[in-house]
N, C-alpha and C. Protein backbone atom coordinates (compact mmCIF):
# COMPACT_ATOMS: atom_id res chain seq x y z
N MET A 1 0.84 -1.18 0.00
CA MET A 1 0.00 0.00 0.00
C MET A 1 0.89 1.25 0.00
N THR A 2 0.52 2.23 -0.79
CA THR A 2 1.26 3.47 -0.89
C THR A 2 1.11 4.30 0.38
N THR A 3 2.19 4.94 0.81
CA THR A 3 2.15 5.84 1.96
C THR A 3 2.63 7.21 1.50
N HIS A 4 1.86 8.24 1.86
CA HIS A 4 2.22 9.63 1.55
C HIS A 4 2.47 10.36 2.85
N HIS A 5 3.47 11.24 2.86
CA HIS A 5 3.82 12.04 4.04
C HIS A 5 3.64 13.52 3.70
N ALA A 6 2.96 14.24 4.59
CA ALA A 6 2.77 15.68 4.43
C ALA A 6 3.25 16.36 5.70
N ALA A 7 3.67 17.61 5.57
CA ALA A 7 4.15 18.34 6.75
C ALA A 7 4.00 19.84 6.52
N CYS A 8 4.04 20.57 7.64
CA CYS A 8 4.06 22.02 7.59
C CYS A 8 5.47 22.47 7.21
N SER A 9 5.67 23.78 7.12
CA SER A 9 6.98 24.31 6.73
C SER A 9 8.08 24.02 7.73
N CYS A 10 7.75 24.04 9.04
CA CYS A 10 8.79 23.82 10.06
C CYS A 10 8.90 22.35 10.48
N GLY A 11 7.95 21.51 10.07
CA GLY A 11 8.00 20.07 10.39
C GLY A 11 7.36 19.67 11.70
N GLN A 12 6.86 20.62 12.47
CA GLN A 12 6.26 20.31 13.77
C GLN A 12 4.96 19.53 13.60
N LEU A 13 4.16 19.84 12.57
CA LEU A 13 2.88 19.17 12.31
C LEU A 13 3.02 18.38 11.02
N SER A 14 2.71 17.10 11.10
CA SER A 14 2.81 16.27 9.91
C SER A 14 1.70 15.22 9.92
N LEU A 15 1.58 14.55 8.81
CA LEU A 15 0.64 13.43 8.75
C LEU A 15 1.15 12.39 7.79
N GLU A 16 0.65 11.20 7.99
CA GLU A 16 0.99 10.05 7.16
C GLU A 16 -0.32 9.46 6.67
N VAL A 17 -0.40 9.21 5.37
CA VAL A 17 -1.62 8.68 4.77
C VAL A 17 -1.30 7.36 4.09
N SER A 18 -2.11 6.36 4.37
CA SER A 18 -1.98 5.07 3.71
C SER A 18 -3.00 4.98 2.58
N GLY A 19 -2.55 4.59 1.41
CA GLY A 19 -3.47 4.43 0.28
C GLY A 19 -3.48 5.64 -0.62
N GLU A 20 -4.28 5.52 -1.67
CA GLU A 20 -4.38 6.58 -2.67
C GLU A 20 -5.52 7.53 -2.35
N PRO A 21 -5.46 8.75 -2.85
CA PRO A 21 -6.53 9.71 -2.61
C PRO A 21 -7.85 9.27 -3.21
N VAL A 22 -8.93 9.65 -2.57
CA VAL A 22 -10.28 9.41 -3.07
C VAL A 22 -10.60 10.42 -4.17
N ARG A 23 -10.06 11.64 -4.02
CA ARG A 23 -10.30 12.73 -4.98
C ARG A 23 -9.13 13.71 -4.90
N ILE A 24 -8.72 14.21 -6.06
CA ILE A 24 -7.72 15.28 -6.12
C ILE A 24 -8.31 16.38 -7.00
N SER A 25 -8.33 17.60 -6.48
CA SER A 25 -8.93 18.68 -7.26
C SER A 25 -8.17 19.98 -7.06
N MET A 26 -8.36 20.86 -8.02
CA MET A 26 -7.83 22.21 -7.89
C MET A 26 -9.04 23.14 -7.79
N CYS A 27 -8.94 24.10 -6.85
CA CYS A 27 -10.05 25.00 -6.59
C CYS A 27 -9.60 26.43 -6.82
N HIS A 28 -10.39 27.17 -7.61
CA HIS A 28 -10.05 28.54 -7.96
C HIS A 28 -10.84 29.56 -7.15
N CYS A 29 -11.58 29.13 -6.12
CA CYS A 29 -12.39 30.07 -5.34
C CYS A 29 -11.48 31.10 -4.66
N LEU A 30 -12.04 32.24 -4.36
CA LEU A 30 -11.25 33.32 -3.77
C LEU A 30 -10.71 32.94 -2.39
N ALA A 31 -11.46 32.15 -1.63
CA ALA A 31 -10.99 31.74 -0.30
C ALA A 31 -9.75 30.85 -0.42
N CYS A 32 -9.71 29.95 -1.38
CA CYS A 32 -8.52 29.11 -1.58
C CYS A 32 -7.35 29.96 -2.05
N GLN A 33 -7.63 30.97 -2.87
CA GLN A 33 -6.55 31.85 -3.30
C GLN A 33 -5.94 32.56 -2.10
N ARG A 34 -6.79 33.04 -1.20
CA ARG A 34 -6.27 33.73 -0.02
C ARG A 34 -5.55 32.77 0.92
N ARG A 35 -6.11 31.57 1.11
CA ARG A 35 -5.51 30.60 2.03
C ARG A 35 -4.13 30.16 1.57
N THR A 36 -3.97 29.97 0.27
CA THR A 36 -2.70 29.46 -0.24
C THR A 36 -1.71 30.55 -0.62
N GLY A 37 -2.22 31.76 -0.86
CA GLY A 37 -1.35 32.81 -1.37
C GLY A 37 -1.00 32.59 -2.83
N SER A 38 -1.76 31.74 -3.49
CA SER A 38 -1.53 31.42 -4.89
C SER A 38 -2.80 31.69 -5.68
N THR A 39 -2.84 31.31 -6.94
CA THR A 39 -4.01 31.56 -7.77
C THR A 39 -5.06 30.46 -7.67
N TYR A 40 -4.73 29.37 -7.01
CA TYR A 40 -5.69 28.29 -6.75
C TYR A 40 -5.12 27.38 -5.68
N GLY A 41 -5.98 26.58 -5.10
CA GLY A 41 -5.54 25.57 -4.14
C GLY A 41 -5.73 24.20 -4.75
N THR A 42 -4.81 23.30 -4.48
CA THR A 42 -4.94 21.92 -4.95
C THR A 42 -4.96 21.04 -3.71
N GLN A 43 -5.97 20.17 -3.62
CA GLN A 43 -6.10 19.34 -2.44
C GLN A 43 -6.44 17.90 -2.81
N ALA A 44 -6.01 17.01 -1.94
CA ALA A 44 -6.31 15.59 -2.10
C ALA A 44 -7.12 15.14 -0.89
N ARG A 45 -8.16 14.38 -1.14
CA ARG A 45 -9.00 13.87 -0.04
C ARG A 45 -8.72 12.38 0.15
N PHE A 46 -8.58 12.02 1.42
CA PHE A 46 -8.31 10.64 1.81
C PHE A 46 -9.35 10.19 2.83
N LEU A 47 -9.54 8.90 2.93
CA LEU A 47 -10.39 8.37 4.00
C LEU A 47 -9.73 8.72 5.33
N THR A 48 -10.47 9.34 6.21
CA THR A 48 -9.93 9.79 7.50
C THR A 48 -9.33 8.62 8.28
N GLU A 49 -9.90 7.44 8.16
CA GLU A 49 -9.38 6.29 8.90
C GLU A 49 -7.98 5.89 8.45
N HIS A 50 -7.52 6.40 7.30
CA HIS A 50 -6.17 6.09 6.79
C HIS A 50 -5.16 7.20 7.07
N VAL A 51 -5.58 8.22 7.84
CA VAL A 51 -4.72 9.37 8.11
C VAL A 51 -4.24 9.34 9.55
N ARG A 52 -2.93 9.48 9.74
CA ARG A 52 -2.34 9.55 11.09
C ARG A 52 -1.67 10.91 11.24
N ILE A 53 -2.13 11.67 12.23
CA ILE A 53 -1.65 13.03 12.45
C ILE A 53 -0.65 13.05 13.59
N LEU A 54 0.46 13.77 13.38
CA LEU A 54 1.52 13.89 14.37
C LEU A 54 1.81 15.36 14.63
N GLY A 55 1.86 15.76 15.87
CA GLY A 55 2.16 17.15 16.21
C GLY A 55 0.92 17.91 16.65
N ARG A 56 1.14 19.18 16.97
CA ARG A 56 0.07 20.05 17.45
C ARG A 56 -0.50 20.87 16.30
N ALA A 57 -1.82 21.09 16.37
CA ALA A 57 -2.48 21.90 15.35
C ALA A 57 -3.45 22.87 16.01
N LYS A 58 -3.65 24.00 15.37
CA LYS A 58 -4.71 24.92 15.73
C LYS A 58 -5.75 24.81 14.62
N ALA A 59 -7.01 25.10 14.96
CA ALA A 59 -8.08 24.99 13.98
C ALA A 59 -8.74 26.33 13.73
N TRP A 60 -9.22 26.50 12.52
CA TRP A 60 -9.97 27.69 12.12
C TRP A 60 -11.04 27.23 11.14
N ALA A 61 -12.26 27.72 11.30
CA ALA A 61 -13.38 27.28 10.46
C ALA A 61 -13.92 28.44 9.63
N ARG A 62 -14.46 28.10 8.46
CA ARG A 62 -15.14 29.07 7.62
C ARG A 62 -16.22 28.35 6.81
N THR A 63 -17.15 29.13 6.30
CA THR A 63 -18.18 28.59 5.42
C THR A 63 -17.77 28.87 3.99
N ALA A 64 -17.77 27.82 3.18
CA ALA A 64 -17.36 27.92 1.78
C ALA A 64 -18.46 28.56 0.94
N ASP A 65 -18.11 28.95 -0.28
CA ASP A 65 -19.09 29.49 -1.22
C ASP A 65 -20.23 28.51 -1.46
N SER A 66 -19.96 27.23 -1.33
CA SER A 66 -20.97 26.19 -1.53
C SER A 66 -21.95 26.10 -0.36
N GLY A 67 -21.61 26.75 0.76
CA GLY A 67 -22.43 26.66 1.96
C GLY A 67 -21.91 25.63 2.95
N ASN A 68 -20.93 24.83 2.52
CA ASN A 68 -20.33 23.82 3.39
C ASN A 68 -19.37 24.48 4.38
N ARG A 69 -19.33 23.95 5.57
CA ARG A 69 -18.40 24.45 6.58
C ARG A 69 -17.11 23.62 6.51
N LEU A 70 -15.97 24.30 6.54
CA LEU A 70 -14.67 23.65 6.49
C LEU A 70 -13.90 24.03 7.75
N VAL A 71 -13.16 23.05 8.29
CA VAL A 71 -12.33 23.30 9.47
C VAL A 71 -10.89 23.01 9.08
N PHE A 72 -10.08 24.07 9.06
CA PHE A 72 -8.67 23.98 8.66
C PHE A 72 -7.80 23.78 9.89
N HIS A 73 -6.79 22.91 9.75
CA HIS A 73 -5.85 22.65 10.84
C HIS A 73 -4.46 23.05 10.36
N PHE A 74 -3.85 23.93 11.13
CA PHE A 74 -2.57 24.49 10.73
C PHE A 74 -1.58 24.45 11.89
N CYS A 75 -0.31 24.56 11.57
CA CYS A 75 0.75 24.54 12.57
C CYS A 75 0.73 25.85 13.36
N PRO A 76 0.71 25.78 14.70
CA PRO A 76 0.73 27.01 15.49
C PRO A 76 2.09 27.70 15.47
N GLU A 77 3.12 27.03 14.98
CA GLU A 77 4.46 27.62 14.91
C GLU A 77 4.68 28.38 13.60
N CYS A 78 4.46 27.71 12.45
CA CYS A 78 4.76 28.34 11.16
C CYS A 78 3.51 28.78 10.40
N GLY A 79 2.34 28.32 10.80
CA GLY A 79 1.09 28.76 10.20
C GLY A 79 0.63 28.00 8.97
N ALA A 80 1.39 27.02 8.52
CA ALA A 80 1.03 26.29 7.30
C ALA A 80 -0.15 25.34 7.55
N THR A 81 -1.13 25.37 6.64
CA THR A 81 -2.25 24.44 6.71
C THR A 81 -1.77 23.07 6.26
N VAL A 82 -2.05 22.04 7.07
CA VAL A 82 -1.62 20.68 6.73
C VAL A 82 -2.80 19.78 6.40
N TYR A 83 -3.96 20.05 6.96
CA TYR A 83 -5.15 19.25 6.64
C TYR A 83 -6.40 20.02 7.01
N TYR A 84 -7.52 19.57 6.45
CA TYR A 84 -8.80 20.16 6.81
C TYR A 84 -9.92 19.17 6.57
N TYR A 85 -11.06 19.48 7.18
CA TYR A 85 -12.25 18.64 7.07
C TYR A 85 -13.39 19.44 6.48
N LEU A 86 -14.18 18.80 5.68
CA LEU A 86 -15.45 19.34 5.21
C LEU A 86 -16.50 18.73 6.13
N GLU A 87 -17.19 19.55 6.89
CA GLU A 87 -18.14 19.01 7.86
C GLU A 87 -19.19 18.12 7.21
N ALA A 88 -19.50 18.35 5.93
CA ALA A 88 -20.47 17.52 5.21
C ALA A 88 -19.92 16.14 4.86
N GLN A 89 -18.59 15.97 4.96
CA GLN A 89 -17.94 14.69 4.62
C GLN A 89 -16.93 14.32 5.71
N PRO A 90 -17.40 14.02 6.92
CA PRO A 90 -16.47 13.74 8.03
C PRO A 90 -15.62 12.49 7.82
N GLU A 91 -15.99 11.66 6.87
CA GLU A 91 -15.21 10.45 6.60
C GLU A 91 -13.96 10.74 5.77
N LEU A 92 -13.81 12.00 5.33
CA LEU A 92 -12.67 12.37 4.49
C LEU A 92 -11.83 13.45 5.15
N THR A 93 -10.53 13.38 4.91
CA THR A 93 -9.58 14.41 5.34
C THR A 93 -8.94 14.97 4.08
N ALA A 94 -8.97 16.29 3.94
CA ALA A 94 -8.37 16.95 2.78
C ALA A 94 -6.98 17.44 3.17
N VAL A 95 -6.04 17.29 2.25
CA VAL A 95 -4.65 17.71 2.49
C VAL A 95 -4.21 18.55 1.29
N PRO A 96 -3.71 19.77 1.53
CA PRO A 96 -3.16 20.54 0.41
C PRO A 96 -2.02 19.76 -0.25
N VAL A 97 -2.08 19.60 -1.55
CA VAL A 97 -1.09 18.78 -2.26
C VAL A 97 0.33 19.29 -2.02
N GLY A 98 0.52 20.59 -1.91
CA GLY A 98 1.85 21.14 -1.66
C GLY A 98 2.46 20.68 -0.35
N ALA A 99 1.63 20.29 0.63
CA ALA A 99 2.14 19.81 1.91
C ALA A 99 2.89 18.48 1.76
N PHE A 100 2.66 17.78 0.66
CA PHE A 100 3.38 16.53 0.42
C PHE A 100 4.78 16.78 -0.13
N ALA A 101 5.01 17.96 -0.72
CA ALA A 101 6.30 18.30 -1.32
C ALA A 101 6.81 17.14 -2.18
N ASP A 102 5.92 16.66 -3.06
CA ASP A 102 6.21 15.50 -3.91
C ASP A 102 5.80 15.82 -5.35
N PRO A 103 6.76 16.21 -6.20
CA PRO A 103 6.42 16.52 -7.59
C PRO A 103 5.81 15.34 -8.35
N GLY A 104 5.94 14.12 -7.83
CA GLY A 104 5.37 12.95 -8.48
C GLY A 104 3.97 12.62 -7.99
N PHE A 105 3.39 13.49 -7.14
CA PHE A 105 2.05 13.22 -6.62
C PHE A 105 1.07 13.15 -7.78
N PRO A 106 0.04 12.30 -7.69
CA PRO A 106 -0.92 12.16 -8.79
C PRO A 106 -1.57 13.48 -9.22
N THR A 107 -1.93 13.54 -10.47
CA THR A 107 -2.55 14.71 -11.09
C THR A 107 -3.99 14.89 -10.62
N PRO A 108 -4.44 16.15 -10.43
CA PRO A 108 -5.85 16.37 -10.11
C PRO A 108 -6.76 15.83 -11.22
N LYS A 109 -7.98 15.51 -10.86
CA LYS A 109 -8.98 15.05 -11.82
C LYS A 109 -10.09 16.08 -12.02
N PHE A 110 -10.19 17.05 -11.10
CA PHE A 110 -11.27 18.03 -11.11
C PHE A 110 -10.71 19.44 -10.98
N SER A 111 -11.39 20.40 -11.61
CA SER A 111 -11.08 21.81 -11.47
C SER A 111 -12.41 22.51 -11.17
N VAL A 112 -12.49 23.16 -10.01
CA VAL A 112 -13.75 23.76 -9.58
C VAL A 112 -13.63 25.27 -9.38
N TYR A 113 -14.78 25.94 -9.40
CA TYR A 113 -14.87 27.40 -9.30
C TYR A 113 -14.05 28.09 -10.38
N GLU A 114 -14.13 27.54 -11.58
CA GLU A 114 -13.36 28.11 -12.69
C GLU A 114 -13.82 29.51 -13.07
N SER A 115 -15.01 29.92 -12.64
CA SER A 115 -15.46 31.29 -12.92
C SER A 115 -14.56 32.31 -12.23
N ARG A 116 -13.79 31.86 -11.23
CA ARG A 116 -12.87 32.75 -10.50
C ARG A 116 -11.41 32.48 -10.85
N ARG A 117 -11.20 31.65 -11.86
CA ARG A 117 -9.84 31.32 -12.31
C ARG A 117 -9.19 32.54 -12.91
N HIS A 118 -7.92 32.75 -12.60
CA HIS A 118 -7.17 33.83 -13.24
C HIS A 118 -7.02 33.48 -14.72
N ALA A 119 -7.22 34.44 -15.57
CA ALA A 119 -7.24 34.20 -17.02
C ALA A 119 -5.96 33.56 -17.54
N TRP A 120 -4.84 33.81 -16.90
CA TRP A 120 -3.57 33.26 -17.38
C TRP A 120 -3.25 31.88 -16.83
N VAL A 121 -4.10 31.34 -15.93
CA VAL A 121 -3.91 29.99 -15.39
C VAL A 121 -4.53 29.00 -16.37
N HIS A 122 -3.74 28.06 -16.83
CA HIS A 122 -4.22 27.06 -17.77
C HIS A 122 -4.51 25.75 -17.03
N VAL A 123 -5.68 25.21 -17.28
CA VAL A 123 -6.11 23.97 -16.67
C VAL A 123 -6.09 22.89 -17.75
N PRO A 124 -5.48 21.75 -17.48
CA PRO A 124 -5.45 20.68 -18.49
C PRO A 124 -6.86 20.31 -18.98
N ASP A 125 -7.01 20.10 -20.27
CA ASP A 125 -8.31 19.78 -20.85
C ASP A 125 -8.91 18.50 -20.31
N GLU A 126 -8.07 17.55 -19.91
CA GLU A 126 -8.57 16.25 -19.48
C GLU A 126 -9.22 16.26 -18.10
N LEU A 127 -9.11 17.36 -17.37
CA LEU A 127 -9.76 17.46 -16.05
C LEU A 127 -11.25 17.71 -16.22
N GLU A 128 -12.03 17.26 -15.24
CA GLU A 128 -13.45 17.60 -15.22
C GLU A 128 -13.56 19.03 -14.76
N HIS A 129 -14.29 19.86 -15.50
CA HIS A 129 -14.36 21.29 -15.23
C HIS A 129 -15.71 21.67 -14.64
N ALA A 130 -15.65 22.55 -13.62
CA ALA A 130 -16.90 23.03 -13.01
C ALA A 130 -16.77 24.49 -12.67
């Protein structure tokens, strides 16, 4: 079984995931742009039962454009988000793909909130677009 390791910038908060992601997507919503400091966020969702969290985290919650509530967990030392939960899907844990620091990580399959995509960001045609 494949194991993926993710961590914050300072390494204090990390997680280990067994198995492959259930979903990988890129999100162009304004909240993801602000959270990541980039033009979109890319996240992978895993079954929560396959996720092992190590270290201390602080939590912060917000309501998404979809109306779903999300709870983000970040390192209290460096501030990097390492995982989050969608309250509507408690069986899944979402992890920002950049937290894996793995250029070989699988490609996203979905691109969402494209109405807020920066015009110069190109999304591969083979992704499902929303």
